[in-house]
Each structure stands twice: as C-alpha cells, then as structure tokens.
Amino acid sequence: LLKRMRAQGNFIEYAPFGVILLALVEFSGAPALAVHLLGLLLVIGRALHAWGFSAPPPVMIGPVFGMILTLTIILLSALGLLLYTLF
C-alpha cells in the first residue's frame, strides 16, 4: 500500500508540471508532431512508472524508465522553450 501511495504521489508531483510545460510548448507555436510526441512520451513514462509499482512482484525497471522518460520530456520542453525565447 505504501508503494502505491508513493507512486500516486510521484504522479501528482511530476505529471502536472509536464502537462503545463507541454501546454507552453504548444502555445509557443511548436509543430503539432513535436507536441504530440512529447505528450505521448509523457503518458508512456507515467504508465511505465505506475505499472512497475503495481505489478504483483514489483518490476523496478518500470519506475526507472518511467522517470527517465518523464524527466526527459521536462528537460526537452524546458530547453525548447528557452531556445524559442532566446532566438
């Protein structure tokens, strides 16, 4: 139960930030394909994270790859917005 609570808490901490960055990327005029790919990777990352914790014997590769994908999306979105603002 504690792991599931932590997985849900992790979702609440990272998903809104990713969605806000995704909206900012869209509002900045990024191509639709880029926005869709970022959104798809965010959903896959969060699903992997949840799957890893909810599997009967916990599969720790799920949360690891899920967090890597989520943090990659956040980093790419932030970098793209920064470059768009500067240039």
PDB file of N, CA and C in Angstrom:
ATOM      1  N   LEU A   1       0.830  -1.194   0.000  1.00  0.00           N
ATOM      2  CA  LEU A   1       0.000   0.000   0.000  1.00  0.00           C
ATOM      3  C   LEU A   1       0.869   1.251   0.000  1.00  0.00           C
ATOM      4  N   LEU A   2       1.950   1.207   0.757  1.00  0.00           N
ATOM      5  CA  LEU A   2       2.834   2.366   0.831  1.00  0.00           C
ATOM      6  C   LEU A   2       3.469   2.670  -0.523  1.00  0.00           C
ATOM      7  N   LYS A   3       3.860   1.635  -1.267  1.00  0.00           N
ATOM      8  CA  LYS A   3       4.453   1.845  -2.587  1.00  0.00           C
ATOM      9  C   LYS A   3       3.432   2.439  -3.549  1.00  0.00           C
ATOM     10  N   ARG A   4       2.193   1.977  -3.458  1.00  0.00           N
ATOM     11  CA  ARG A   4       1.153   2.527  -4.335  1.00  0.00           C
ATOM     12  C   ARG A   4       0.856   3.982  -3.993  1.00  0.00           C
ATOM     13  N   MET A   5       0.877   4.295  -2.717  1.00  0.00           N
ATOM     14  CA  MET A   5       0.674   5.689  -2.316  1.00  0.00           C
ATOM     15  C   MET A   5       1.817   6.551  -2.834  1.00  0.00           C
ATOM     16  N   ARG A   6       3.031   6.037  -2.769  1.00  0.00           N
ATOM     17  CA  ARG A   6       4.190   6.784  -3.242  1.00  0.00           C
ATOM     18  C   ARG A   6       4.145   6.956  -4.760  1.00  0.00           C
ATOM     19  N   ALA A   7       3.691   5.925  -5.470  1.00  0.00           N
ATOM     20  CA  ALA A   7       3.568   6.019  -6.929  1.00  0.00           C
ATOM     21  C   ALA A   7       2.548   7.086  -7.304  1.00  0.00           C
ATOM     22  N   GLN A   8       1.442   7.143  -6.575  1.00  0.00           N
ATOM     23  CA  GLN A   8       0.427   8.151  -6.840  1.00  0.00           C
ATOM     24  C   GLN A   8       0.954   9.533  -6.484  1.00  0.00           C
ATOM     25  N   GLY A   9       1.694   9.633  -5.400  1.00  0.00           N
ATOM     26  CA  GLY A   9       2.296  10.905  -5.017  1.00  0.00           C
ATOM     27  C   GLY A   9       3.300  11.371  -6.050  1.00  0.00           C
ATOM     28  N   ASN A  10       4.061  10.442  -6.605  1.00  0.00           N
ATOM     29  CA  ASN A  10       5.025  10.784  -7.642  1.00  0.00           C
ATOM     30  C   ASN A  10       4.306  11.300  -8.877  1.00  0.00           C
ATOM     31  N   PHE A  11       3.169  10.704  -9.218  1.00  0.00           N
ATOM     32  CA  PHE A  11       2.384  11.167 -10.360  1.00  0.00           C
ATOM     33  C   PHE A  11       1.921  12.602 -10.141  1.00  0.00           C
ATOM     34  N   ILE A  12       1.437  12.880  -8.944  1.00  0.00           N
ATOM     35  CA  ILE A  12       0.942  14.220  -8.629  1.00  0.00           C
ATOM     36  C   ILE A  12       2.067  15.251  -8.673  1.00  0.00           C
ATOM     37  N   GLU A  13       3.289  14.833  -8.351  1.00  0.00           N
ATOM     38  CA  GLU A  13       4.413  15.761  -8.350  1.00  0.00           C
ATOM     39  C   GLU A  13       4.904  16.085  -9.759  1.00  0.00           C
ATOM     40  N   TYR A  14       4.907  15.123 -10.658  1.00  0.00           N
ATOM     41  CA  TYR A  14       5.535  15.318 -11.960  1.00  0.00           C
ATOM     42  C   TYR A  14       4.570  15.529 -13.118  1.00  0.00           C
ATOM     43  N   ALA A  15       3.426  14.881 -13.126  1.00  0.00           N
ATOM     44  CA  ALA A  15       2.512  14.971 -14.266  1.00  0.00           C
ATOM     45  C   ALA A  15       1.998  16.394 -14.510  1.00  0.00           C
ATOM     46  N   PRO A  16       1.551  17.129 -13.492  1.00  0.00           N
ATOM     47  CA  PRO A  16       1.076  18.489 -13.772  1.00  0.00           C
ATOM     48  C   PRO A  16       2.165  19.386 -14.358  1.00  0.00           C
ATOM     49  N   PHE A  17       3.383  19.241 -13.864  1.00  0.00           N
ATOM     50  CA  PHE A  17       4.492  20.037 -14.386  1.00  0.00           C
ATOM     51  C   PHE A  17       4.736  19.702 -15.857  1.00  0.00           C
ATOM     52  N   GLY A  18       4.688  18.422 -16.191  1.00  0.00           N
ATOM     53  CA  GLY A  18       4.863  18.009 -17.581  1.00  0.00           C
ATOM     54  C   GLY A  18       3.751  18.524 -18.474  1.00  0.00           C
ATOM     55  N   VAL A  19       2.520  18.484 -17.987  1.00  0.00           N
ATOM     56  CA  VAL A  19       1.379  18.956 -18.778  1.00  0.00           C
ATOM     57  C   VAL A  19       1.446  20.470 -18.966  1.00  0.00           C
ATOM     58  N   ILE A  20       1.838  21.202 -17.942  1.00  0.00           N
ATOM     59  CA  ILE A  20       1.979  22.660 -18.064  1.00  0.00           C
ATOM     60  C   ILE A  20       3.059  22.998 -19.084  1.00  0.00           C
ATOM     61  N   LEU A  21       4.196  22.320 -19.006  1.00  0.00           N
ATOM     62  CA  LEU A  21       5.255  22.554 -19.993  1.00  0.00           C
ATOM     63  C   LEU A  21       4.786  22.187 -21.393  1.00  0.00           C
ATOM     64  N   LEU A  22       4.035  21.118 -21.510  1.00  0.00           N
ATOM     65  CA  LEU A  22       3.502  20.703 -22.805  1.00  0.00           C
ATOM     66  C   LEU A  22       2.571  21.777 -23.373  1.00  0.00           C
ATOM     67  N   ALA A  23       1.736  22.360 -22.532  1.00  0.00           N
ATOM     68  CA  ALA A  23       0.849  23.438 -22.976  1.00  0.00           C
ATOM     69  C   ALA A  23       1.653  24.661 -23.406  1.00  0.00           C
ATOM     70  N   LEU A  24       2.697  24.994 -22.664  1.00  0.00           N
ATOM     71  CA  LEU A  24       3.540  26.131 -23.041  1.00  0.00           C
ATOM     72  C   LEU A  24       4.248  25.888 -24.370  1.00  0.00           C
ATOM     73  N   VAL A  25       4.683  24.654 -24.591  1.00  0.00           N
ATOM     74  CA  VAL A  25       5.314  24.313 -25.872  1.00  0.00           C
ATOM     75  C   VAL A  25       4.310  24.494 -27.002  1.00  0.00           C
ATOM     76  N   GLU A  26       3.084  24.065 -26.779  1.00  0.00           N
ATOM     77  CA  GLU A  26       2.060  24.221 -27.812  1.00  0.00           C
ATOM     78  C   GLU A  26       1.755  25.696 -28.061  1.00  0.00           C
ATOM     79  N   PHE A  27       1.617  26.469 -27.001  1.00  0.00           N
ATOM     80  CA  PHE A  27       1.317  27.893 -27.145  1.00  0.00           C
ATOM     81  C   PHE A  27       2.456  28.661 -27.801  1.00  0.00           C
ATOM     82  N   SER A  28       3.672  28.140 -27.708  1.00  0.00           N
ATOM     83  CA  SER A  28       4.810  28.829 -28.312  1.00  0.00           C
ATOM     84  C   SER A  28       4.865  28.620 -29.821  1.00  0.00           C
ATOM     85  N   GLY A  29       4.012  27.767 -30.341  1.00  0.00           N
ATOM     86  CA  GLY A  29       3.951  27.569 -31.780  1.00  0.00           C
ATOM     87  C   GLY A  29       4.768  26.399 -32.280  1.00  0.00           C
ATOM     88  N   ALA A  30       5.075  25.467 -31.425  1.00  0.00           N
ATOM     89  CA  ALA A  30       5.831  24.282 -31.840  1.00  0.00           C
ATOM     90  C   ALA A  30       4.990  23.453 -32.807  1.00  0.00           C
ATOM     91  N   PRO A  31       5.650  22.703 -33.684  1.00  0.00           N
ATOM     92  CA  PRO A  31       4.897  21.850 -34.612  1.00  0.00           C
ATOM     93  C   PRO A  31       4.020  20.841 -33.857  1.00  0.00           C
ATOM     94  N   ALA A  32       2.881  20.540 -34.441  1.00  0.00           N
ATOM     95  CA  ALA A  32       1.933  19.623 -33.793  1.00  0.00           C
ATOM     96  C   ALA A  32       2.558  18.257 -33.543  1.00  0.00           C
ATOM     97  N   LEU A  33       3.402  17.798 -34.454  1.00  0.00           N
ATOM     98  CA  LEU A  33       4.041  16.498 -34.283  1.00  0.00           C
ATOM     99  C   LEU A  33       4.919  16.482 -33.032  1.00  0.00           C
ATOM    100  N   ALA A  34       5.646  17.556 -32.797  1.00  0.00           N
ATOM    101  CA  ALA A  34       6.504  17.631 -31.608  1.00  0.00           C
ATOM    102  C   ALA A  34       5.667  17.607 -30.335  1.00  0.00           C
ATOM    103  N   VAL A  35       4.575  18.339 -30.329  1.00  0.00           N
ATOM    104  CA  VAL A  35       3.701  18.378 -29.151  1.00  0.00           C
ATOM    105  C   VAL A  35       3.100  16.996 -28.901  1.00  0.00           C
ATOM    106  N   HIS A  36       2.663  16.340 -29.968  1.00  0.00           N
ATOM    107  CA  HIS A  36       2.074  15.009 -29.812  1.00  0.00           C
ATOM    108  C   HIS A  36       3.100  13.992 -29.333  1.00  0.00           C
ATOM    109  N   LEU A  37       4.312  14.057 -29.855  1.00  0.00           N
ATOM    110  CA  LEU A  37       5.350  13.119 -29.416  1.00  0.00           C
ATOM    111  C   LEU A  37       5.716  13.342 -27.952  1.00  0.00           C
ATOM    112  N   LEU A  38       5.847  14.600 -27.554  1.00  0.00           N
ATOM    113  CA  LEU A  38       6.146  14.888 -26.148  1.00  0.00           C
ATOM    114  C   LEU A  38       5.023  14.386 -25.245  1.00  0.00           C
ATOM    115  N   GLY A  39       3.783  14.620 -25.651  1.00  0.00           N
ATOM    116  CA  GLY A  39       2.646  14.151 -24.860  1.00  0.00           C
ATOM    117  C   GLY A  39       2.584  12.635 -24.777  1.00  0.00           C
ATOM    118  N   LEU A  40       2.850  11.968 -25.894  1.00  0.00           N
ATOM    119  CA  LEU A  40       2.844  10.508 -25.908  1.00  0.00           C
ATOM    120  C   LEU A  40       3.932   9.949 -24.996  1.00  0.00           C
ATOM    121  N   LEU A  41       5.121  10.526 -25.058  1.00  0.00           N
ATOM    122  CA  LEU A  41       6.211  10.057 -24.205  1.00  0.00           C
ATOM    123  C   LEU A  41       5.917  10.316 -22.728  1.00  0.00           C
ATOM    124  N   LEU A  42       5.247  11.418 -22.432  1.00  0.00           N
ATOM    125  CA  LEU A  42       4.870  11.695 -21.045  1.00  0.00           C
ATOM    126  C   LEU A  42       3.883  10.643 -20.538  1.00  0.00           C
ATOM    127  N   VAL A  43       2.892  10.316 -21.349  1.00  0.00           N
ATOM    128  CA  VAL A  43       1.908   9.302 -20.952  1.00  0.00           C
ATOM    129  C   VAL A  43       2.573   7.932 -20.796  1.00  0.00           C
ATOM    130  N   ILE A  44       3.447   7.571 -21.730  1.00  0.00           N
ATOM    131  CA  ILE A  44       4.146   6.282 -21.641  1.00  0.00           C
ATOM    132  C   ILE A  44       5.018   6.238 -20.389  1.00  0.00           C
ATOM    133  N   GLY A  45       5.721   7.325 -20.114  1.00  0.00           N
ATOM    134  CA  GLY A  45       6.571   7.368 -18.925  1.00  0.00           C
ATOM    135  C   GLY A  45       5.787   7.216 -17.636  1.00  0.00           C
ATOM    136  N   ARG A  46       4.672   7.896 -17.542  1.00  0.00           N
ATOM    137  CA  ARG A  46       3.854   7.793 -16.331  1.00  0.00           C
ATOM    138  C   ARG A  46       3.224   6.410 -16.222  1.00  0.00           C
ATOM    139  N   ALA A  47       2.813   5.825 -17.358  1.00  0.00           N
ATOM    140  CA  ALA A  47       2.228   4.478 -17.330  1.00  0.00           C
ATOM    141  C   ALA A  47       3.267   3.439 -16.918  1.00  0.00           C
ATOM    142  N   LEU A  48       4.487   3.567 -17.422  1.00  0.00           N
ATOM    143  CA  LEU A  48       5.554   2.644 -17.024  1.00  0.00           C
ATOM    144  C   LEU A  48       5.826   2.736 -15.534  1.00  0.00           C
ATOM    145  N   HIS A  49       5.832   3.946 -15.030  1.00  0.00           N
ATOM    146  CA  HIS A  49       6.091   4.148 -13.602  1.00  0.00           C
ATOM    147  C   HIS A  49       5.009   3.475 -12.765  1.00  0.00           C
ATOM    148  N   ALA A  50       3.758   3.688 -13.137  1.00  0.00           N
ATOM    149  CA  ALA A  50       2.649   3.081 -12.392  1.00  0.00           C
ATOM    150  C   ALA A  50       2.654   1.562 -12.530  1.00  0.00           C
ATOM    151  N   TRP A  51       2.925   1.072 -13.735  1.00  0.00           N
ATOM    152  CA  TRP A  51       2.958  -0.377 -13.958  1.00  0.00           C
ATOM    153  C   TRP A  51       4.032  -1.047 -13.111  1.00  0.00           C
ATOM    154  N   GLY A  52       5.186  -0.418 -13.017  1.00  0.00           N
ATOM    155  CA  GLY A  52       6.276  -1.010 -12.246  1.00  0.00           C
ATOM    156  C   GLY A  52       5.928  -1.205 -10.785  1.00  0.00           C
ATOM    157  N   PHE A  53       5.197  -0.249 -10.220  1.00  0.00           N
ATOM    158  CA  PHE A  53       4.827  -0.365  -8.811  1.00  0.00           C
ATOM    159  C   PHE A  53       3.615  -1.260  -8.591  1.00  0.00           C
ATOM    160  N   SER A  54       2.743  -1.381  -9.601  1.00  0.00           N
ATOM    161  CA  SER A  54       1.512  -2.146  -9.394  1.00  0.00           C
ATOM    162  C   SER A  54       1.637  -3.610  -9.813  1.00  0.00           C
ATOM    163  N   ALA A  55       2.729  -3.988 -10.459  1.00  0.00           N
ATOM    164  CA  ALA A  55       2.919  -5.393 -10.849  1.00  0.00           C
ATOM    165  C   ALA A  55       3.011  -6.253  -9.589  1.00  0.00           C
ATOM    166  N   PRO A  56       2.451  -7.485  -9.623  1.00  0.00           N
ATOM    167  CA  PRO A  56       2.456  -8.337  -8.416  1.00  0.00           C
ATOM    168  C   PRO A  56       3.826  -8.459  -7.748  1.00  0.00           C
ATOM    169  N   PRO A  57       4.869  -8.945  -8.436  1.00  0.00           N
ATOM    170  CA  PRO A  57       6.186  -8.687  -7.852  1.00  0.00           C
ATOM    171  C   PRO A  57       6.658  -7.376  -8.484  1.00  0.00           C
ATOM    172  N   PRO A  58       6.925  -6.349  -7.698  1.00  0.00           N
ATOM    173  CA  PRO A  58       7.289  -5.049  -8.279  1.00  0.00           C
ATOM    174  C   PRO A  58       8.439  -5.170  -9.282  1.00  0.00           C
ATOM    175  N   VAL A  59       8.222  -4.579 -10.439  1.00  0.00           N
ATOM    176  CA  VAL A  59       9.226  -4.578 -11.505  1.00  0.00           C
ATOM    177  C   VAL A  59       9.889  -3.211 -11.482  1.00  0.00           C
ATOM    178  N   MET A  60      11.074  -3.122 -10.919  1.00  0.00           N
ATOM    179  CA  MET A  60      11.692  -1.819 -10.699  1.00  0.00           C
ATOM    180  C   MET A  60      12.214  -1.166 -11.972  1.00  0.00           C
ATOM    181  N   ILE A  61      12.252  -1.906 -13.074  1.00  0.00           N
ATOM    182  CA  ILE A  61      12.689  -1.285 -14.319  1.00  0.00           C
ATOM    183  C   ILE A  61      11.612  -0.320 -14.837  1.00  0.00           C
ATOM    184  N   GLY A  62      10.345  -0.580 -14.503  1.00  0.00           N
ATOM    185  CA  GLY A  62       9.252   0.296 -14.923  1.00  0.00           C
ATOM    186  C   GLY A  62       9.373   1.696 -14.356  1.00  0.00           C
ATOM    187  N   PRO A  63       9.481   1.835 -13.033  1.00  0.00           N
ATOM    188  CA  PRO A  63       9.622   3.175 -12.472  1.00  0.00           C
ATOM    189  C   PRO A  63      10.895   3.889 -12.925  1.00  0.00           C
ATOM    190  N   VAL A  64      11.960   3.133 -13.120  1.00  0.00           N
ATOM    191  CA  VAL A  64      13.214   3.763 -13.550  1.00  0.00           C
ATOM    192  C   VAL A  64      13.059   4.347 -14.949  1.00  0.00           C
ATOM    193  N   PHE A  65      12.586   3.540 -15.899  1.00  0.00           N
ATOM    194  CA  PHE A  65      12.405   4.047 -17.254  1.00  0.00           C
ATOM    195  C   PHE A  65      11.289   5.088 -17.318  1.00  0.00           C
ATOM    196  N   GLY A  66      10.269   4.926 -16.491  1.00  0.00           N
ATOM    197  CA  GLY A  66       9.200   5.915 -16.442  1.00  0.00           C
ATOM    198  C   GLY A  66       9.705   7.277 -16.003  1.00  0.00           C
ATOM    199  N   MET A  67      10.547   7.295 -14.985  1.00  0.00           N
ATOM    200  CA  MET A  67      11.100   8.572 -14.519  1.00  0.00           C
ATOM    201  C   MET A  67      12.085   9.146 -15.533  1.00  0.00           C
ATOM    202  N   ILE A  68      12.860   8.276 -16.182  1.00  0.00           N
ATOM    203  CA  ILE A  68      13.785   8.763 -17.211  1.00  0.00           C
ATOM    204  C   ILE A  68      13.006   9.432 -18.339  1.00  0.00           C
ATOM    205  N   LEU A  69      11.923   8.799 -18.789  1.00  0.00           N
ATOM    206  CA  LEU A  69      11.100   9.398 -19.842  1.00  0.00           C
ATOM    207  C   LEU A  69      10.473  10.707 -19.383  1.00  0.00           C
ATOM    208  N   THR A  70       9.934  10.717 -18.180  1.00  0.00           N
ATOM    209  CA  THR A  70       9.285  11.921 -17.668  1.00  0.00           C
ATOM    210  C   THR A  70      10.276  13.073 -17.548  1.00  0.00           C
ATOM    211  N   LEU A  71      11.434  12.801 -16.981  1.00  0.00           N
ATOM    212  CA  LEU A  71      12.434  13.860 -16.829  1.00  0.00           C
ATOM    213  C   LEU A  71      12.992  14.300 -18.180  1.00  0.00           C
ATOM    214  N   THR A  72      13.059  13.387 -19.140  1.00  0.00           N
ATOM    215  CA  THR A  72      13.497  13.758 -20.486  1.00  0.00           C
ATOM    216  C   THR A  72      12.501  14.706 -21.127  1.00  0.00           C
ATOM    217  N   ILE A  73      11.220  14.436 -20.965  1.00  0.00           N
ATOM    218  CA  ILE A  73      10.182  15.311 -21.511  1.00  0.00           C
ATOM    219  C   ILE A  73      10.274  16.693 -20.878  1.00  0.00           C
ATOM    220  N   ILE A  74      10.438  16.734 -19.576  1.00  0.00           N
ATOM    221  CA  ILE A  74      10.538  18.016 -18.875  1.00  0.00           C
ATOM    222  C   ILE A  74      11.763  18.782 -19.359  1.00  0.00           C
ATOM    223  N   LEU A  75      12.889  18.099 -19.485  1.00  0.00           N
ATOM    224  CA  LEU A  75      14.118  18.745 -19.938  1.00  0.00           C
ATOM    225  C   LEU A  75      14.000  19.231 -21.380  1.00  0.00           C
ATOM    226  N   LEU A  76      13.489  18.392 -22.277  1.00  0.00           N
ATOM    227  CA  LEU A  76      13.340  18.796 -23.678  1.00  0.00           C
ATOM    228  C   LEU A  76      12.372  19.965 -23.826  1.00  0.00           C
ATOM    229  N   SER A  77      11.283  19.934 -23.092  1.00  0.00           N
ATOM    230  CA  SER A  77      10.307  21.024 -23.162  1.00  0.00           C
ATOM    231  C   SER A  77      10.911  22.324 -22.650  1.00  0.00           C
ATOM    232  N   ALA A  78      11.587  22.251 -21.519  1.00  0.00           N
ATOM    233  CA  ALA A  78      12.198  23.454 -20.948  1.00  0.00           C
ATOM    234  C   ALA A  78      13.279  24.003 -21.869  1.00  0.00           C
ATOM    235  N   LEU A  79      14.098  23.122 -22.423  1.00  0.00           N
ATOM    236  CA  LEU A  79      15.149  23.563 -23.336  1.00  0.00           C
ATOM    237  C   LEU A  79      14.560  24.179 -24.599  1.00  0.00           C
ATOM    238  N   GLY A  80      13.526  23.551 -25.148  1.00  0.00           N
ATOM    239  CA  GLY A  80      12.872  24.090 -26.333  1.00  0.00           C
ATOM    240  C   GLY A  80      12.270  25.457 -26.080  1.00  0.00           C
ATOM    241  N   LEU A  81      11.631  25.625 -24.933  1.00  0.00           N
ATOM    242  CA  LEU A  81      11.053  26.929 -24.599  1.00  0.00           C
ATOM    243  C   LEU A  81      12.135  27.982 -24.396  1.00  0.00           C
ATOM    244  N   LEU A  82      13.230  27.595 -23.768  1.00  0.00           N
ATOM    245  CA  LEU A  82      14.337  28.527 -23.559  1.00  0.00           C
ATOM    246  C   LEU A  82      14.934  28.962 -24.893  1.00  0.00           C
ATOM    247  N   LEU A  83      15.178  28.017 -25.777  1.00  0.00           N
ATOM    248  CA  LEU A  83      15.734  28.357 -27.091  1.00  0.00           C
ATOM    249  C   LEU A  83      14.757  29.197 -27.903  1.00  0.00           C
ATOM    250  N   TYR A  84      13.470  28.889 -27.823  1.00  0.00           N
ATOM    251  CA  TYR A  84      12.465  29.672 -28.535  1.00  0.00           C
ATOM    252  C   TYR A  84      12.445  31.112 -28.022  1.00  0.00           C
ATOM    253  N   THR A  85      12.595  31.277 -26.714  1.00  0.00           N
ATOM    254  CA  THR A  85      12.577  32.610 -26.120  1.00  0.00           C
ATOM    255  C   THR A  85      13.822  33.408 -26.503  1.00  0.00           C
ATOM    256  N   LEU A  86      14.968  32.746 -26.527  1.00  0.00           N
ATOM    257  CA  LEU A  86      16.221  33.440 -26.818  1.00  0.00           C
ATOM    258  C   LEU A  86      16.381  33.778 -28.296  1.00  0.00           C
ATOM    259  N   PHE A  87      15.854  32.932 -29.163  1.00  0.00           N
ATOM    260  CA  PHE A  87      16.054  33.156 -30.593  1.00  0.00           C
ATOM    261  C   PHE A  87      14.725  33.338 -31.245  1.00  0.00           C
TER     262      PHE A  87
END
